[in-house]
C-alpha atoms as a PDB file:
ATOM      1  CA  MET A   1      40.181   6.402   4.604  1.00  0.00           C
ATOM      2  CA  THR A   2      39.998   9.948   3.318  1.00  0.00           C
ATOM      3  CA  LYS A   3      36.871  11.711   2.220  1.00  0.00           C
ATOM      4  CA  THR A   4      37.945  11.756  -1.419  1.00  0.00           C
ATOM      5  CA  SER A   5      38.974   8.107  -1.598  1.00  0.00           C
ATOM      6  CA  PHE A   6      35.764   6.968   0.116  1.00  0.00           C
ATOM      7  CA  ALA A   7      33.584   8.987  -2.227  1.00  0.00           C
ATOM      8  CA  ASP A   8      35.496   7.859  -5.305  1.00  0.00           C
ATOM      9  CA  SER A   9      35.352   4.194  -4.249  1.00  0.00           C
ATOM     10  CA  VAL A  10      31.530   4.096  -4.196  1.00  0.00           C
ATOM     11  CA  LEU A  11      30.774   6.913  -6.693  1.00  0.00           C
ATOM     12  CA  MET A  12      28.756   8.948  -4.213  1.00  0.00           C
ATOM     13  CA  SER A  13      27.385  12.445  -4.693  1.00  0.00           C
ATOM     14  CA  PRO A  14      28.647  15.291  -2.457  1.00  0.00           C
ATOM     15  CA  ARG A  15      25.487  15.165  -0.331  1.00  0.00           C
ATOM     16  CA  THR A  16      25.824  11.414   0.148  1.00  0.00           C
ATOM     17  CA  VAL A  17      29.407  11.882   1.312  1.00  0.00           C
ATOM     18  CA  LYS A  18      28.180  14.360   3.929  1.00  0.00           C
ATOM     19  CA  TYR A  19      25.459  11.899   4.959  1.00  0.00           C
ATOM     20  CA  VAL A  20      27.901   9.026   5.433  1.00  0.00           C
ATOM     21  CA  GLU A  21      30.354  11.206   7.342  1.00  0.00           C
ATOM     22  CA  ALA A  22      27.565  12.417   9.658  1.00  0.00           C
ATOM     23  CA  MET A  23      26.480   8.819  10.377  1.00  0.00           C
ATOM     24  CA  ILE A  24      30.044   7.809  11.205  1.00  0.00           C
ATOM     25  CA  ARG A  25      30.680  10.916  13.294  1.00  0.00           C
ATOM     26  CA  GLU A  26      27.458  10.919  15.325  1.00  0.00           C
ATOM     27  CA  GLY A  27      26.748   7.176  15.595  1.00  0.00           C
ATOM     28  CA  ASP A  28      23.600   6.415  17.598  1.00  0.00           C
ATOM     29  CA  LYS A  29      22.956  10.138  18.075  1.00  0.00           C
ATOM     30  CA  PHE A  30      22.515  10.696  14.332  1.00  0.00           C
ATOM     31  CA  ASP A  31      19.245  12.526  13.626  1.00  0.00           C
ATOM     32  CA  PHE A  32      18.400  12.298   9.931  1.00  0.00           C
ATOM     33  CA  TYR A  33      15.815  15.086   9.975  1.00  0.00           C
ATOM     34  CA  LYS A  34      18.113  17.503  11.819  1.00  0.00           C
ATOM     35  CA  TRP A  35      20.960  16.637   9.454  1.00  0.00           C
ATOM     36  CA  LEU A  36      18.755  17.110   6.367  1.00  0.00           C
ATOM     37  CA  LYS A  37      17.564  20.505   7.594  1.00  0.00           C
ATOM     38  CA  GLY A  38      21.146  21.653   8.130  1.00  0.00           C
ATOM     39  CA  VAL A  39      22.274  20.428   4.718  1.00  0.00           C
ATOM     40  CA  ARG A  40      19.386  22.159   2.984  1.00  0.00           C
ATOM     41  CA  GLU A  41      20.152  25.424   4.754  1.00  0.00           C
ATOM     42  CA  GLU A  42      23.806  25.096   3.760  1.00  0.00           C
ATOM     43  CA  GLU A  43      22.881  24.347   0.141  1.00  0.00           C
ATOM     44  CA  GLY A  44      20.444  27.268   0.124  1.00  0.00           C
ATOM     45  CA  GLN A  45      23.204  29.626   1.201  1.00  0.00           C
ATOM     46  CA  ALA A  46      25.543  28.122  -1.398  1.00  0.00           C
ATOM     47  CA  LYS A  47      22.880  28.627  -4.058  1.00  0.00           C
ATOM     48  CA  GLN A  48      22.610  32.298  -3.194  1.00  0.00           C
ATOM     49  CA  VAL A  49      26.372  32.657  -3.494  1.00  0.00           C
ATOM     50  CA  SER A  50      26.251  30.718  -6.758  1.00  0.00           C
ATOM     51  CA  THR A  51      23.595  33.045  -8.198  1.00  0.00           C
ATOM     52  CA  THR A  52      25.706  36.080  -7.376  1.00  0.00           C
ATOM     53  CA  SER A  53      28.817  34.434  -8.807  1.00  0.00           C
ATOM     54  CA  ASP A  54      27.010  33.365 -11.983  1.00  0.00           C
ATOM     55  CA  SER A  55      25.819  36.924 -12.539  1.00  0.00           C
ATOM     56  CA  ARG A  56      29.394  38.155 -12.366  1.00  0.00           C
ATOM     57  CA  GLU A  57      30.568  35.378 -14.687  1.00  0.00           C
ATOM     58  CA  ALA A  58      27.851  36.278 -17.192  1.00  0.00           C
ATOM     59  CA  THR A  59      29.125  39.837 -17.245  1.00  0.00           C
ATOM     60  CA  GLN A  60      32.649  38.581 -17.814  1.00  0.00           C
ATOM     61  CA  GLY A  61      31.394  36.229 -20.518  1.00  0.00           C
ATOM     62  CA  GLN A  62      30.129  39.129 -22.610  1.00  0.00           C
ATOM     63  CA  SER A  63      33.751  40.059 -23.281  1.00  0.00           C
ATOM     64  CA  GLY A  64      34.650  36.481 -24.169  1.00  0.00           C
ATOM     65  CA  ASN A  65      36.496  35.801 -20.923  1.00  0.00           C
ATOM     66  CA  ARG A  66      34.003  33.569 -19.157  1.00  0.00           C
ATOM     67  CA  PRO A  67      35.859  30.800 -17.263  1.00  0.00           C
ATOM     68  CA  SER A  68      35.179  27.167 -18.040  1.00  0.00           C
ATOM     69  CA  THR A  69      33.631  24.953 -15.337  1.00  0.00           C
ATOM     70  CA  PHE A  70      36.484  22.529 -15.929  1.00  0.00           C
ATOM     71  CA  ASP A  71      38.853  25.218 -14.654  1.00  0.00           C
ATOM     72  CA  ASN A  72      36.557  26.185 -11.773  1.00  0.00           C
ATOM     73  CA  PRO A  73      36.246  23.601  -8.953  1.00  0.00           C
ATOM     74  CA  ASP A  74      33.482  25.610  -7.269  1.00  0.00           C
ATOM     75  CA  ALA A  75      31.402  25.506 -10.434  1.00  0.00           C
ATOM     76  CA  GLN A  76      31.881  21.735 -10.654  1.00  0.00           C
ATOM     77  CA  LEU A  77      30.687  21.348  -7.078  1.00  0.00           C
ATOM     78  CA  ARG A  78      27.602  23.472  -7.727  1.00  0.00           C
ATOM     79  CA  ALA A  79      26.796  21.361 -10.768  1.00  0.00           C
ATOM     80  CA  ALA A  80      27.030  18.089  -8.836  1.00  0.00           C
ATOM     81  CA  PRO A  81      23.737  16.218  -8.245  1.00  0.00           C
ATOM     82  CA  THR A  82      22.307  16.448  -4.727  1.00  0.00           C
ATOM     83  CA  SER A  83      19.103  14.452  -5.051  1.00  0.00           C
ATOM     84  CA  MET A  84      17.949  12.625  -1.938  1.00  0.00           C
ATOM     85  CA  GLY A  85      17.315   9.689  -4.226  1.00  0.00           C
ATOM     86  CA  ASN A  86      21.083   9.163  -4.428  1.00  0.00           C
ATOM     87  CA  LEU A  87      21.468   8.627  -0.693  1.00  0.00           C
ATOM     88  CA  LEU A  88      20.574   4.996  -0.089  1.00  0.00           C
ATOM     89  CA  PRO A  89      20.977   2.125  -0.471  1.00  0.00           C
ATOM     90  CA  LEU A  90      24.741   2.242  -0.843  1.00  0.00           C
ATOM     91  CA  PRO A  91      26.783  -0.561  -2.423  1.00  0.00           C
ATOM     92  CA  GLN A  92      27.687  -3.440  -0.114  1.00  0.00           C
ATOM     93  CA  PRO A  93      31.384  -2.441   0.235  1.00  0.00           C
ATOM     94  CA  ALA A  94      30.312   1.017   1.409  1.00  0.00           C
ATOM     95  CA  ARG A  95      27.855  -0.420   3.940  1.00  0.00           C
ATOM     96  CA  GLN A  96      30.534  -2.734   5.333  1.00  0.00           C
ATOM     97  CA  SER A  97      33.027   0.125   5.604  1.00  0.00           C
ATOM     98  CA  ILE A  98      30.572   2.278   7.530  1.00  0.00           C
ATOM     99  CA  LEU A  99      29.602  -0.536   9.881  1.00  0.00           C
ATOM    100  CA  LYS A 100      33.267  -1.162  10.695  1.00  0.00           C
ATOM    101  CA  LEU A 101      33.859   2.497  11.368  1.00  0.00           C
ATOM    102  CA  ARG A 102      30.827   2.690  13.663  1.00  0.00           C
ATOM    103  CA  GLY A 103      31.780  -0.266  15.835  1.00  0.00           C
ATOM    104  CA  ASN A 104      30.171  -3.643  16.533  1.00  0.00           C
ATOM    105  CA  PRO A 105      26.913  -3.666  14.504  1.00  0.00           C
ATOM    106  CA  GLU A 106      25.306  -6.350  16.697  1.00  0.00           C
ATOM    107  CA  ALA A 107      25.932  -4.394  19.876  1.00  0.00           C
ATOM    108  CA  ARG A 108      24.627  -1.266  18.193  1.00  0.00           C
ATOM    109  CA  LEU A 109      21.426  -3.056  17.116  1.00  0.00           C
ATOM    110  CA  ARG A 110      20.849  -4.316  20.636  1.00  0.00           C
ATOM    111  CA  ARG A 111      21.298  -0.788  22.026  1.00  0.00           C
ATOM    112  CA  TRP A 112      18.793   0.478  19.480  1.00  0.00           C
ATOM    113  CA  LEU A 113      16.259  -2.179  20.476  1.00  0.00           C
ATOM    114  CA  GLU A 114      16.782  -1.172  24.087  1.00  0.00           C
ATOM    115  CA  LYS A 115      16.005   2.417  23.143  1.00  0.00           C
ATOM    116  CA  VAL A 116      12.767   1.281  21.506  1.00  0.00           C
ATOM    117  CA  CYS A 117      11.906  -0.560  24.732  1.00  0.00           C
ATOM    118  CA  ASN A 118      12.634   2.615  26.668  1.00  0.00           C
ATOM    119  CA  ALA A 119      10.305   4.509  24.343  1.00  0.00           C
ATOM    120  CA  TRP A 120       7.616   1.948  25.146  1.00  0.00           C
ATOM    121  CA  GLY A 121       8.189   2.472  28.853  1.00  0.00           C
ATOM    122  CA  GLU A 122       7.908   6.235  28.446  1.00  0.00           C
ATOM    123  CA  PHE A 123       4.679   5.793  26.514  1.00  0.00           C
ATOM    124  CA  GLN A 124       3.239   3.576  29.238  1.00  0.00           C
ATOM    125  CA  ALA A 125       4.240   6.025  31.957  1.00  0.00           C
ATOM    126  CA  SER A 126       2.817   9.043  30.155  1.00  0.00           C
ATOM    127  CA  HIS A 127      -0.787  10.207  30.291  1.00  0.00           C
ATOM    128  CA  ALA A 128      -0.384  12.519  27.307  1.00  0.00           C
ATOM    129  CA  ARG A 129      -2.873  11.962  24.516  1.00  0.00           C
ATOM    130  CA  ASP A 130      -0.219  11.754  21.805  1.00  0.00           C
ATOM    131  CA  ALA A 131       2.346   9.775  23.816  1.00  0.00           C
ATOM    132  CA  VAL A 132       2.026   6.743  21.528  1.00  0.00           C
ATOM    133  CA  TYR A 133       3.660   8.651  18.686  1.00  0.00           C
ATOM    134  CA  GLY A 134       6.994   8.702  20.492  1.00  0.00           C
ATOM    135  CA  TYR A 135       7.011   4.914  20.626  1.00  0.00           C
ATOM    136  CA  LEU A 136       5.775   4.493  17.056  1.00  0.00           C
ATOM    137  CA  GLU A 137       8.460   6.926  15.882  1.00  0.00           C
ATOM    138  CA  ALA A 138      11.104   4.728  17.522  1.00  0.00           C
ATOM    139  CA  VAL A 139       9.719   1.581  15.877  1.00  0.00           C
ATOM    140  CA  PHE A 140       9.429   3.307  12.520  1.00  0.00           C
ATOM    141  CA  ALA A 141      13.010   4.608  12.640  1.00  0.00           C
ATOM    142  CA  ILE A 142      14.681   1.271  13.361  1.00  0.00           C
ATOM    143  CA  VAL A 143      12.652  -0.639  10.766  1.00  0.00           C
ATOM    144  CA  LYS A 144      13.152   1.970   8.050  1.00  0.00           C
ATOM    145  CA  HIS A 145      16.891   2.124   8.752  1.00  0.00           C
ATOM    146  CA  TYR A 146      17.487  -1.609   8.474  1.00  0.00           C
ATOM    147  CA  ARG A 147      15.088  -1.991   5.548  1.00  0.00           C
ATOM    148  CA  THR A 148      16.857   0.804   3.645  1.00  0.00           C
ATOM    149  CA  TRP A 149      20.188  -0.921   4.186  1.00  0.00           C
ATOM    150  CA  ARG A 150      18.614  -4.262   3.140  1.00  0.00           C
ATOM    151  CA  LEU A 151      19.271  -5.748   6.561  1.00  0.00           C
ATOM    152  CA  THR A 152      15.684  -6.559   7.539  1.00  0.00           C
ATOM    153  CA  ASN A 153      16.433 -10.223   8.195  1.00  0.00           C
ATOM    154  CA  LYS A 154      19.221  -9.235  10.555  1.00  0.00           C
ATOM    155  CA  LEU A 155      16.844  -6.921  12.400  1.00  0.00           C
ATOM    156  CA  LEU A 156      14.271  -9.703  12.699  1.00  0.00           C
ATOM    157  CA  ARG A 157      16.802 -12.234  14.001  1.00  0.00           C
ATOM    158  CA  HIS A 158      18.091  -9.906  16.684  1.00  0.00           C
ATOM    159  CA  ALA A 159      14.644  -8.612  17.631  1.00  0.00           C
ATOM    160  CA  PHE A 160      13.275 -12.114  18.253  1.00  0.00           C
ATOM    161  CA  LYS A 161      16.461 -13.079  20.079  1.00  0.00           C
ATOM    162  CA  PHE A 162      16.240  -9.878  22.129  1.00  0.00           C
ATOM    163  CA  ALA A 163      12.709 -10.816  23.227  1.00  0.00           C
ATOM    164  CA  GLY A 164      13.413 -14.522  23.647  1.00  0.00           C
ATOM    165  CA  LEU A 165      10.906 -15.454  20.939  1.00  0.00           C
ATOM    166  CA  PRO A 166      11.195 -17.990  18.091  1.00  0.00           C
ATOM    167  CA  PHE A 167      12.612 -16.496  14.899  1.00  0.00           C
ATOM    168  CA  ASP A 168      10.112 -15.938  12.090  1.00  0.00           C
ATOM    169  CA  LYS A 169      11.866 -14.856   8.906  1.00  0.00           C
ATOM    170  CA  ASN A 170       8.521 -14.105   7.214  1.00  0.00           C
ATOM    171  CA  ALA A 171       7.288 -11.749   9.916  1.00  0.00           C
ATOM    172  CA  ASP A 172       6.373  -8.175   9.066  1.00  0.00           C
ATOM    173  CA  PRO A 173       9.235  -6.110  10.570  1.00  0.00           C
ATOM    174  CA  PHE A 174       6.950  -3.470  12.106  1.00  0.00           C
ATOM    175  CA  THR A 175       4.817  -6.147  13.753  1.00  0.00           C
ATOM    176  CA  ALA A 176       7.906  -8.023  14.955  1.00  0.00           C
ATOM    177  CA  VAL A 177       9.630  -4.998  16.484  1.00  0.00           C
ATOM    178  CA  ILE A 178       6.453  -3.933  18.294  1.00  0.00           C
ATOM    179  CA  ARG A 179       5.869  -7.429  19.616  1.00  0.00           C
ATOM    180  CA  CYS A 180       9.491  -7.760  20.713  1.00  0.00           C
ATOM    181  CA  THR A 181       9.697  -4.417  22.520  1.00  0.00           C
ATOM    182  CA  CYS A 182       6.315  -4.018  24.225  1.00  0.00           C
ATOM    183  CA  GLY A 183       6.876  -6.788  26.766  1.00  0.00           C
ATOM    184  CA  ASP A 184       3.561  -8.548  26.024  1.00  0.00           C
ATOM    185  CA  ALA A 185       1.738  -5.420  27.196  1.00  0.00           C
ATOM    186  CA  ALA A 186      -0.045  -4.874  23.863  1.00  0.00           C
ATOM    187  CA  ASP A 187      -2.671  -7.281  22.514  1.00  0.00           C
ATOM    188  CA  ASN A 188      -2.566  -8.732  19.014  1.00  0.00           C
ATOM    189  CA  LYS A 189      -5.294  -6.415  17.731  1.00  0.00           C
ATOM    190  CA  THR A 190      -3.413  -3.308  18.850  1.00  0.00           C
ATOM    191  CA  ILE A 191      -0.095  -4.574  17.489  1.00  0.00           C
ATOM    192  CA  SER A 192      -1.722  -5.321  14.122  1.00  0.00           C
ATOM    193  CA  LYS A 193      -3.324  -1.857  13.997  1.00  0.00           C
ATOM    194  CA  TRP A 194      -0.086  -0.048  14.813  1.00  0.00           C
ATOM    195  CA  ALA A 195       1.871  -2.124  12.297  1.00  0.00           C
ATOM    196  CA  ARG A 196      -0.631  -1.341   9.522  1.00  0.00           C
ATOM    197  CA  ALA A 197      -0.430   2.356  10.363  1.00  0.00           C
ATOM    198  CA  LEU A 198       3.375   2.247  10.171  1.00  0.00           C
ATOM    199  CA  ARG A 199       3.325   0.323   6.895  1.00  0.00           C
ATOM    200  CA  TYR A 200       1.013   2.973   5.466  1.00  0.00           C
ATOM    201  CA  ALA A 201       3.399   5.704   6.639  1.00  0.00           C
ATOM    202  CA  ALA A 202       6.352   3.840   5.115  1.00  0.00           C
ATOM    203  CA  ILE A 203       4.598   3.966   1.742  1.00  0.00           C
ATOM    204  CA  ARG A 204       2.997   7.408   1.817  1.00  0.00           C
ATOM    205  CA  LYS A 205       4.980   9.620   4.207  1.00  0.00           C
ATOM    206  CA  PRO A 206       7.323  12.186   2.600  1.00  0.00           C
ATOM    207  CA  THR A 207      10.926  11.573   3.647  1.00  0.00           C
ATOM    208  CA  GLU A 208      11.408  14.935   5.313  1.00  0.00           C
ATOM    209  CA  MET A 209       8.120  14.830   7.257  1.00  0.00           C
ATOM    210  CA  ARG A 210       7.986  13.626  10.865  1.00  0.00           C
ATOM    211  CA  LEU A 211       5.865  10.547  11.535  1.00  0.00           C
ATOM    212  CA  LYS A 212       3.614  12.252  14.078  1.00  0.00           C
ATOM    213  CA  ALA A 213       2.848  15.146  11.761  1.00  0.00           C
ATOM    214  CA  PHE A 214       2.070  12.765   8.896  1.00  0.00           C
ATOM    215  CA  MET A 215      -0.187  10.488  10.913  1.00  0.00           C
ATOM    216  CA  LYS A 216      -2.074  13.312  12.593  1.00  0.00           C
ATOM    217  CA  GLY A 217      -2.518  14.980   9.217  1.00  0.00           C
ATOM    218  CA  ALA A 218      -3.951  11.732   7.869  1.00  0.00           C
ATOM    219  CA  GLY A 219      -6.428  11.499  10.744  1.00  0.00           C
ATOM    220  CA  GLY A 220      -4.411   9.640  13.367  1.00  0.00           C
ATOM    221  CA  VAL A 221      -3.154   6.118  13.962  1.00  0.00           C
ATOM    222  CA  ASN A 222      -6.522   4.452  13.446  1.00  0.00           C
ATOM    223  CA  ALA A 223      -7.117   6.314  10.184  1.00  0.00           C
ATOM    224  CA  CYS A 224      -3.682   5.326   8.839  1.00  0.00           C
ATOM    225  CA  ALA A 225      -4.316   1.699   9.752  1.00  0.00           C
ATOM    226  CA  ASP A 226      -7.725   1.792   8.043  1.00  0.00           C
ATOM    227  CA  ARG A 227      -6.265   3.391   4.929  1.00  0.00           C
ATOM    228  CA  HIS A 228      -3.606   0.691   4.680  1.00  0.00           C
ATOM    229  CA  ALA A 229      -6.243  -2.022   5.030  1.00  0.00           C
ATOM    230  CA  LYS A 230      -8.388  -0.333   2.386  1.00  0.00           C
ATOM    231  CA  TYR A 231      -5.697   0.175  -0.221  1.00  0.00           C
ATOM    232  CA  PHE A 232      -3.234  -2.630   0.465  1.00  0.00           C
ATOM    233  CA  GLY A 233      -5.135  -5.196   2.538  1.00  0.00           C
ATOM    234  CA  ARG A 234      -4.591  -6.032   6.185  1.00  0.00           C
ATOM    235  CA  GLY A 235      -1.589  -8.204   5.424  1.00  0.00           C
ATOM    236  CA  GLY A 236      -0.150  -6.025   2.667  1.00  0.00           C
ATOM    237  CA  ARG A 237       3.248  -4.338   2.929  1.00  0.00           C
END
């Protein structure tokens, strides 16, 4: 499937096309924040070029020879919307196409859960004060990804199966992923606190901001959990 036909089939913006292509190309190594930074730098450079070009076109326009954007593909591209709000969720046909291109989705989900488990192990082995953020970042990433793609139930099914626990379709996804990847090493009180903190981040954290920076700026994990309980209730989502 070519870039043009894929974009036309789901009516995606130019930035969304780049996003989808990066996901397909990089697979499990895809880093959203790194990708977003690169795209913004690229668009910033393009904007500078556009400003220079527009100045020249304005000069030409004074003599009545200003070119139309319909005759200028570059101008059409610059005028295209690039809002992050257009990124996700994509239509179901687009999601299915991407999943096929990226391989077996069930095997990929299991590998991702294994990575979250590895992050837990690294947290347990570390004596660093902020080591927990690495694990919480891993939990946050997998839940946000599958929630964005409206595949939360699939994540829950595989997480409980991964841990050998009974499936609970009504479980909070943050709570479930923590419980299924910590190997019974965290008590219920701690799991509940971490899940509340992550739910608060899911609601309040700016998209481009890293989880650790957001939580520390808000006062830490405990403060985020308390804020969620205060504003949304302990069971709120």
